[in-house]
Each structure stands twice: as C-alpha cells, then as structure tokens.
Amino acid sequence: MTIAVAQMLHIFFQPVKRSGTNHDCGSFLHITIDRNTELMDNTRVTTALSELRLSAQQIDEFFATGWITAKALFNADEVAKIRSCFDDLEQIAADIEETGLQHGSHFVLGEKDRQKVIKRVVWAGGSQPYLLQIGADRRLTLPCSQLLGSDVLEQLLSQAHFKRPNDGVIFGWHQDIQHRDKGPGTWDDINGRGSFVQTLIVLDEMTADSGPLLFIPGSSQWGRVDFGAHEYDDPDYTPRKPPQFHDKDAVTIAAQPGDTLFFGPYTAHASFENTSQHYRRVLINGYASPGANHRVYPGEGSCREIVVD
C-alpha cells in the first residue's frame, strides 16, 4: 500500500508503551469501502482492507497487556462530526430533568453543587445516526472481529462520555466484565477469552489533569477479580482492590483527538475527575461475541448485529 493510501485510511495501530463545530449530525456523506472499487494509483481496496487487520503481534499485545492504541484512526473532520453529535446530546440533556430514555438514547444524569451533570449517554446512536455509522465502521469492527474470532458481532455499547471540567464524574477501578456479566444467565464466555472488546475514540486531548484513562498492564490475564460495588458518585467510596492490584502499576493514557483504544473485559481501568479547563469527551463502542450476551440494554436498536465480511 502506498503512503498516500495509508494516510487516507489513517491506520496506525501501535501498542502503548509504559512510560466546537457546526456540523449537522443528521446530514452527512458516509463513504463505504467496496471491494471492487479502486483507490489511488490503482491500489485495490482488497489491499487496503488487509491494512485494517491487526498483526499477530498486535493481537498478542492486546491479550497480554490488555489494550492497544490506534493513533489517528479517525480524522479531524470525523472527530468534528462526532463532537457535533455530542453537542446535540448535551442540548437534549439540558432540556430534561431526570435520568431516562429520550429520542432513542438513555441519558444518565446526576448533580454536583446543584448543577446538572451528564454521567453518560447510553446507546447514544439511538438519537444520533452518525454515531451508529461510526460504530459500524470497519476500522472498529474488523479488528474487533479478529480479537473475538467471529465475523458476526453484537454491538452492546454506543456510549457518550462528556467529562466536563470539574463535573465530578469518575469511574473507579473496575473491569468491564462486571458490567457485562450481571449474574447467572446474563453472560457466557463464548470464545474463552472474555468475548467482549471495548473501543474508545478520543474526541478531546487526553491529559494528566483531564480525567484520563488509567490501565493496569497485564490485568487482562487475571480473569475476573473482585473490585466490589461501583458507588462512583460517593466521594468517600473506596473500591475493593484485589491482591493482584497495585496503584504503582497504573499507566496514564495520553491521547489526541482521533486516537482510538481497544481493550478487553478483564483489563483493569479507571478514570477520575476532570480538573482541567476543557472537556474530555470520548465515544465508546463495545462488541460481544454472538451468543455471549443475554441481557437487554437500554436504547432503541441496542444490541444490534453487525456482520464483518
């Protein structure tokens, strides 16, 4: 593949080492890749699609370390359109008084210092079709298909997180399996490796003071451990920490708009209050192996099936 084509697709998968616009969300041009279409300088799309695939090393990194990062996976125009959808969601939240379903999306609200807080919007694509288009984009679904070992995915999450400055929103240490498996009859590990991949598209610069994502490397190999309940809204809440967990091992993720994280259901992670002066928005899409999930998620059209061919 030529450099020009690679730049057009913005595919730069890299394992992590230690160490406001006016776009209309309702009207957009979505470009799909046709296997028979030619790209620049006669490079076939079949070649382009091979560039979307994770290497064996990247797959090993995902399962061993717990996450991988795709730098600049989405371009500035796409990020601007996603942010515009978030603006629409924020306006809807401003017009409602309590948690509930609005326009196909489930708004989870709270309060800090008598000010309304948007904790998250569940199935954000229910009211913002462009977000569902992003959720079905091959840049997300093809790597997830490889990681899950299935050409069919069940999309469980299309979730908007805002993390407005000093809004008090935190997500304490946890594993996502605790949100997928709610007890007997709710979840089956179909592929024997967790059966779930979460993706996170960064929409604003993620800095040390903006409530960045924190990961524990290698926690993906722990299996499910006990972090206790999730009383995120209680400032005095202290999560239960399993014996494998050590704060000093935490890695802080610094990222730019368009960067995208892929991580598994056993990867221990957290994010704390945004104390910066700017938003720290992310769009989360989550995919399960078919047959793993046995729960109904909020939002109109949630738990949709996506075929990756």
Protein backbone atom coordinates (compact mmCIF):
# COMPACT_ATOMS: atom_id res chain seq x y z
CA MET A 1 0.00 0.00 0.00
CA THR A 2 1.27 3.48 -0.83
CA ILE A 3 1.87 6.09 1.85
CA ALA A 4 -0.94 8.19 0.37
CA VAL A 5 -3.47 5.39 0.75
CA ALA A 6 -2.31 4.64 4.28
CA GLN A 7 -2.70 8.29 5.20
CA MET A 8 -6.18 8.34 3.67
CA LEU A 9 -7.25 5.43 5.87
CA HIS A 10 -5.45 6.77 8.98
CA ILE A 11 -4.48 3.29 10.13
CA PHE A 12 -1.53 3.34 12.52
CA PHE A 13 -2.01 0.63 15.16
CA GLN A 14 0.53 0.86 17.94
CA PRO A 15 0.75 -0.95 21.28
CA VAL A 16 1.09 1.52 24.16
CA LYS A 17 4.46 1.59 25.86
CA ARG A 18 4.87 2.41 29.56
CA SER A 19 6.23 5.45 30.16
CA GLY A 20 -16.81 23.10 18.75
CA THR A 21 -18.08 22.99 15.29
CA ASN A 22 -21.36 23.40 13.40
CA HIS A 23 -21.65 20.11 11.52
CA ASP A 24 -25.18 18.77 11.13
CA CYS A 25 -25.33 15.23 12.52
CA GLY A 26 -28.42 14.47 10.50
CA SER A 27 -26.88 15.18 7.11
CA PHE A 28 -23.57 13.71 6.11
CA LEU A 29 -21.86 11.71 3.42
CA HIS A 30 -20.81 8.30 4.65
CA ILE A 31 -18.30 6.58 2.41
CA THR A 32 -18.29 2.80 2.45
CA ILE A 33 -15.46 0.69 1.08
CA ASP A 34 -16.44 -1.52 -1.84
CA ARG A 35 -14.14 -4.45 -2.52
CA ASN A 36 -14.32 -3.78 -6.26
CA THR A 37 -13.54 -0.07 -6.07
CA GLU A 38 -10.07 1.17 -6.96
CA LEU A 39 -8.19 3.59 -4.74
CA MET A 40 -5.36 5.95 -5.55
CA ASP A 41 -2.73 4.84 -8.07
CA ASN A 42 -4.73 1.67 -8.87
CA THR A 43 -4.27 0.11 -5.43
CA ARG A 44 -7.13 -2.31 -4.89
CA VAL A 45 -9.40 -2.00 -1.88
CA THR A 46 -8.67 -5.62 -1.04
CA THR A 47 -5.13 -4.46 -0.33
CA ALA A 48 -6.47 -1.56 1.73
CA LEU A 49 -8.61 -3.90 3.78
CA SER A 50 -5.59 -6.01 4.62
CA GLU A 51 -4.06 -2.89 6.19
CA LEU A 52 -7.01 -2.68 8.60
CA ARG A 53 -6.18 -6.07 10.04
CA LEU A 54 -4.22 -6.47 13.24
CA SER A 55 -0.94 -8.31 13.04
CA ALA A 56 -0.28 -11.39 15.16
CA GLN A 57 1.98 -9.23 17.34
CA GLN A 58 -0.79 -6.68 17.94
CA ILE A 59 -3.26 -9.42 18.84
CA ASP A 60 -0.74 -10.90 21.28
CA GLU A 61 -0.18 -7.42 22.77
CA PHE A 62 -3.93 -6.96 23.25
CA PHE A 63 -4.34 -10.17 25.23
CA ALA A 64 -1.04 -9.94 27.14
CA THR A 65 -1.02 -6.25 28.09
CA GLY A 66 -4.76 -5.58 27.92
CA TRP A 67 -5.05 -2.85 25.29
CA ILE A 68 -3.70 -1.45 22.06
CA THR A 69 -3.91 2.06 20.62
CA ALA A 70 -4.65 3.11 17.04
CA LYS A 71 -3.14 6.54 16.50
CA ALA A 72 -5.18 9.00 14.37
CA LEU A 73 -7.68 6.28 13.43
CA PHE A 74 -10.34 8.94 12.78
CA ASN A 75 -9.52 12.20 11.04
CA ALA A 76 -10.25 15.76 12.14
CA ASP A 77 -13.44 16.06 10.08
CA GLU A 78 -14.85 12.83 11.51
CA VAL A 79 -13.97 13.91 15.05
CA ALA A 80 -15.72 17.25 14.41
CA LYS A 81 -18.89 15.46 13.28
CA ILE A 82 -18.84 13.23 16.35
CA ARG A 83 -18.39 16.28 18.57
CA SER A 84 -21.37 17.89 16.84
CA CYS A 85 -23.46 14.87 17.78
CA PHE A 86 -22.25 15.28 21.35
CA ASP A 87 -23.39 18.92 21.21
CA ASP A 88 -26.87 17.69 20.26
CA LEU A 89 -26.84 15.18 23.11
CA GLU A 90 -25.74 17.86 25.54
CA GLN A 91 -28.63 20.08 24.46
CA ILE A 92 -31.13 17.25 24.96
CA ALA A 93 -29.70 16.67 28.44
CA ALA A 94 -30.08 20.37 29.25
CA ASP A 95 -33.79 20.15 28.47
CA ILE A 96 -34.62 17.17 30.70
CA GLU A 97 -34.82 16.89 34.47
CA GLU A 98 -34.04 13.27 35.24
CA THR A 99 -32.43 10.08 34.00
CA GLY A 100 -34.39 8.35 31.26
CA LEU A 101 -34.91 7.49 27.61
CA GLN A 102 -35.02 10.43 25.20
CA HIS A 103 -35.12 10.18 21.40
CA GLY A 104 -33.85 6.60 21.49
CA SER A 105 -30.92 7.23 23.87
CA HIS A 106 -30.78 6.67 27.62
CA PHE A 107 -29.48 9.74 29.50
CA VAL A 108 -27.89 9.11 32.90
CA LEU A 109 -27.84 12.36 34.87
CA GLY A 110 -26.54 13.46 38.24
CA GLU A 111 -25.83 16.61 40.18
CA LYS A 112 -22.85 18.42 41.65
CA ASP A 113 -23.10 21.71 43.54
CA ARG A 114 -26.72 21.97 42.38
CA GLN A 115 -25.61 21.80 38.76
CA LYS A 116 -26.78 19.08 36.38
CA VAL A 117 -24.14 16.54 35.43
CA ILE A 118 -24.19 14.21 32.41
CA LYS A 119 -22.69 10.98 33.67
CA ARG A 120 -23.09 9.23 30.32
CA VAL A 121 -25.48 8.71 27.44
CA VAL A 122 -26.24 5.05 26.80
CA TRP A 123 -26.86 3.98 23.19
CA ALA A 124 -26.04 7.49 22.04
CA GLY A 125 -26.52 6.38 18.44
CA GLY A 126 -30.21 5.91 19.11
CA SER A 127 -30.69 9.66 18.72
CA GLN A 128 -27.58 10.38 16.61
CA PRO A 129 -27.45 8.18 13.48
CA TYR A 130 -23.91 9.26 12.59
CA LEU A 131 -22.66 7.64 15.81
CA LEU A 132 -24.18 4.33 14.67
CA GLN A 133 -22.37 4.72 11.36
CA ILE A 134 -19.14 5.15 13.28
CA GLY A 135 -19.98 2.09 15.37
CA ALA A 136 -20.28 0.01 12.19
CA ASP A 137 -17.07 1.41 10.64
CA ARG A 138 -14.63 -1.31 9.57
CA ARG A 139 -11.80 0.47 11.34
CA LEU A 140 -13.50 -0.63 14.54
CA THR A 141 -15.34 -3.79 13.55
CA LEU A 142 -12.62 -5.60 11.60
CA PRO A 143 -10.03 -5.53 14.44
CA CYS A 144 -12.77 -6.48 16.91
CA SER A 145 -13.79 -9.35 14.65
CA GLN A 146 -10.21 -10.62 14.75
CA LEU A 147 -9.96 -10.27 18.52
CA LEU A 148 -13.29 -12.05 19.08
CA GLY A 149 -12.66 -14.69 16.42
CA SER A 150 -16.04 -14.09 14.80
CA ASP A 151 -17.33 -12.43 11.63
CA VAL A 152 -20.55 -11.57 13.48
CA LEU A 153 -20.54 -9.04 16.31
CA GLU A 154 -23.27 -7.94 18.71
CA GLN A 155 -22.86 -4.24 19.42
CA LEU A 156 -23.79 -3.65 23.04
CA LEU A 157 -22.42 -0.16 23.55
CA SER A 158 -22.71 3.18 21.77
CA GLN A 159 -21.95 5.40 24.70
CA ALA A 160 -21.08 9.08 25.07
CA HIS A 161 -18.92 10.27 27.97
CA PHE A 162 -18.50 14.02 28.43
CA LYS A 163 -16.22 14.60 31.45
CA ARG A 164 -16.89 18.34 31.53
CA PRO A 165 -14.45 20.41 33.63
CA ASN A 166 -14.87 19.78 37.37
CA ASP A 167 -18.18 17.94 36.92
CA GLY A 168 -17.24 15.28 39.47
CA VAL A 169 -17.75 12.34 37.10
CA ILE A 170 -15.44 9.44 37.92
CA PHE A 171 -15.24 5.78 37.02
CA GLY A 172 -13.31 3.98 39.75
CA TRP A 173 -11.13 0.93 39.24
CA HIS A 174 -13.09 -1.88 37.63
CA GLN A 175 -13.20 -4.45 34.84
CA ASP A 176 -15.85 -4.20 32.14
CA ILE A 177 -16.82 -7.83 32.69
CA GLN A 178 -18.54 -6.58 35.85
CA HIS A 179 -20.89 -4.57 33.65
CA ARG A 180 -21.44 -7.36 31.11
CA ASP A 181 -21.88 -10.35 33.43
CA LYS A 182 -24.56 -9.47 35.98
CA GLY A 183 -25.05 -12.96 37.34
CA PRO A 184 -26.34 -16.37 36.29
CA GLY A 185 -27.97 -16.41 32.88
CA THR A 186 -26.74 -12.97 31.81
CA TRP A 187 -23.42 -13.80 30.11
CA ASP A 188 -21.49 -16.70 28.56
CA ASP A 189 -17.82 -16.50 27.63
CA ILE A 190 -18.23 -17.96 24.14
CA ASN A 191 -14.65 -17.63 22.92
CA GLY A 192 -12.94 -18.39 26.22
CA ARG A 193 -11.10 -15.03 26.20
CA GLY A 194 -13.79 -12.74 27.60
CA SER A 195 -15.99 -12.49 24.46
CA PHE A 196 -16.04 -8.68 24.53
CA VAL A 197 -13.96 -5.84 23.09
CA GLN A 198 -14.46 -2.20 24.01
CA THR A 199 -13.28 0.66 21.81
CA LEU A 200 -12.84 4.26 22.87
CA ILE A 201 -12.49 7.13 20.38
CA VAL A 202 -10.78 10.18 21.88
CA LEU A 203 -12.53 13.46 20.96
CA ASP A 204 -10.52 15.95 23.06
CA GLU A 205 -6.89 15.89 24.07
CA MET A 206 -6.49 13.47 26.97
CA THR A 207 -4.06 14.93 29.50
CA ALA A 208 -2.95 14.08 33.01
CA ASP A 209 -5.43 16.57 34.54
CA SER A 210 -8.43 15.96 32.27
CA GLY A 211 -9.54 12.70 33.87
CA PRO A 212 -7.56 10.41 31.54
CA LEU A 213 -7.94 6.68 31.24
CA LEU A 214 -5.69 4.61 33.51
CA PHE A 215 -4.80 0.97 32.80
CA ILE A 216 -3.07 -1.80 34.75
CA PRO A 217 -0.81 -3.66 32.28
CA GLY A 218 -1.23 -7.41 32.37
CA SER A 219 -4.54 -7.28 34.24
CA SER A 220 -6.15 -8.75 31.14
CA GLN A 221 -4.70 -12.08 32.25
CA TRP A 222 -6.23 -12.01 35.73
CA GLY A 223 -9.65 -13.24 34.74
CA ARG A 224 -12.48 -11.73 36.72
CA VAL A 225 -11.44 -10.30 40.09
CA ASP A 226 -13.37 -8.53 42.84
CA PHE A 227 -13.32 -4.74 42.73
CA GLY A 228 -16.51 -4.57 44.79
CA ALA A 229 -19.52 -2.38 44.07
CA HIS A 230 -19.38 0.72 41.90
CA GLU A 231 -20.54 3.66 44.01
CA TYR A 232 -18.85 6.12 41.68
CA ASP A 233 -20.91 9.08 42.92
CA ASP A 234 -19.80 8.75 46.54
CA PRO A 235 -16.68 10.90 47.07
CA ASP A 236 -15.76 8.77 50.07
CA TYR A 237 -16.14 5.49 48.21
CA THR A 238 -13.07 3.27 48.36
CA PRO A 239 -13.15 0.41 45.85
CA ARG A 240 -12.21 -3.06 46.91
CA LYS A 241 -8.81 -3.88 45.45
CA PRO A 242 -7.86 -7.48 44.64
CA PRO A 243 -4.42 -8.74 45.76
CA GLN A 244 -3.09 -8.53 42.18
CA PHE A 245 -3.78 -4.79 42.06
CA HIS A 246 -1.09 -2.19 42.83
CA ASP A 247 -1.62 1.52 42.20
CA LYS A 248 2.02 1.98 41.24
CA ASP A 249 1.48 -0.21 38.18
CA ALA A 250 -1.09 2.14 36.65
CA VAL A 251 -0.33 3.62 33.23
CA THR A 252 -1.85 7.01 32.36
CA ILE A 253 -3.05 7.26 28.77
CA ALA A 254 -2.17 10.47 26.94
CA ALA A 255 -4.01 10.74 23.63
CA GLN A 256 -5.02 13.10 20.86
CA PRO A 257 -8.40 13.52 19.13
CA GLY A 258 -8.95 10.66 16.71
CA ASP A 259 -6.79 8.18 18.63
CA THR A 260 -8.69 5.00 19.47
CA LEU A 261 -8.17 2.46 22.23
CA PHE A 262 -9.13 -1.22 22.06
CA PHE A 263 -9.28 -3.14 25.34
CA GLY A 264 -10.75 -6.32 26.78
CA PRO A 265 -13.29 -7.10 29.50
CA TYR A 266 -10.71 -8.14 32.12
CA THR A 267 -8.42 -5.11 31.72
CA ALA A 268 -8.48 -3.14 34.98
CA HIS A 269 -9.03 0.55 34.28
CA ALA A 270 -10.34 3.78 35.78
CA SER A 271 -10.72 7.50 35.15
CA PHE A 272 -11.12 10.23 37.72
CA GLU A 273 -12.41 13.79 37.80
CA ASN A 274 -11.54 16.20 35.02
CA THR A 275 -9.78 19.08 36.79
CA SER A 276 -8.67 20.79 33.59
CA GLN A 277 -10.40 23.68 31.83
CA HIS A 278 -11.50 21.69 28.79
CA TYR A 279 -13.84 18.80 28.02
CA ARG A 280 -12.57 15.23 27.86
CA ARG A 281 -15.17 13.57 25.63
CA VAL A 282 -14.93 10.01 24.33
CA LEU A 283 -17.20 7.81 22.23
CA ILE A 284 -17.33 4.21 23.40
CA ASN A 285 -18.42 1.30 21.20
CA GLY A 286 -18.47 -2.22 22.59
CA TYR A 287 -18.84 -5.54 20.77
CA ALA A 288 -19.60 -9.05 22.01
CA SER A 289 -19.25 -12.49 20.52
CA PRO A 290 -22.65 -13.66 19.27
CA GLY A 291 -24.43 -15.62 21.98
CA ALA A 292 -22.39 -14.17 24.85
CA ASN A 293 -24.91 -11.56 25.99
CA HIS A 294 -28.32 -12.49 27.43
CA ARG A 295 -29.43 -9.07 28.69
CA VAL A 296 -31.44 -6.24 27.13
CA TYR A 297 -29.54 -2.96 27.04
CA PRO A 298 -31.27 0.46 27.14
CA GLY A 299 -31.77 2.40 23.91
CA GLU A 300 -33.73 1.93 20.72
CA GLY A 301 -31.90 -0.52 18.46
CA SER A 302 -29.30 -1.58 21.01
CA CYS A 303 -27.64 -4.99 20.81
CA ARG A 304 -27.66 -4.89 17.02
CA GLU A 305 -25.87 -7.49 14.93
CA ILE A 306 -23.02 -6.43 12.66
CA VAL A 307 -21.63 -8.77 10.01
CA VAL A 308 -17.98 -8.17 9.13
CA ASP A 309 -17.23 -9.57 5.68
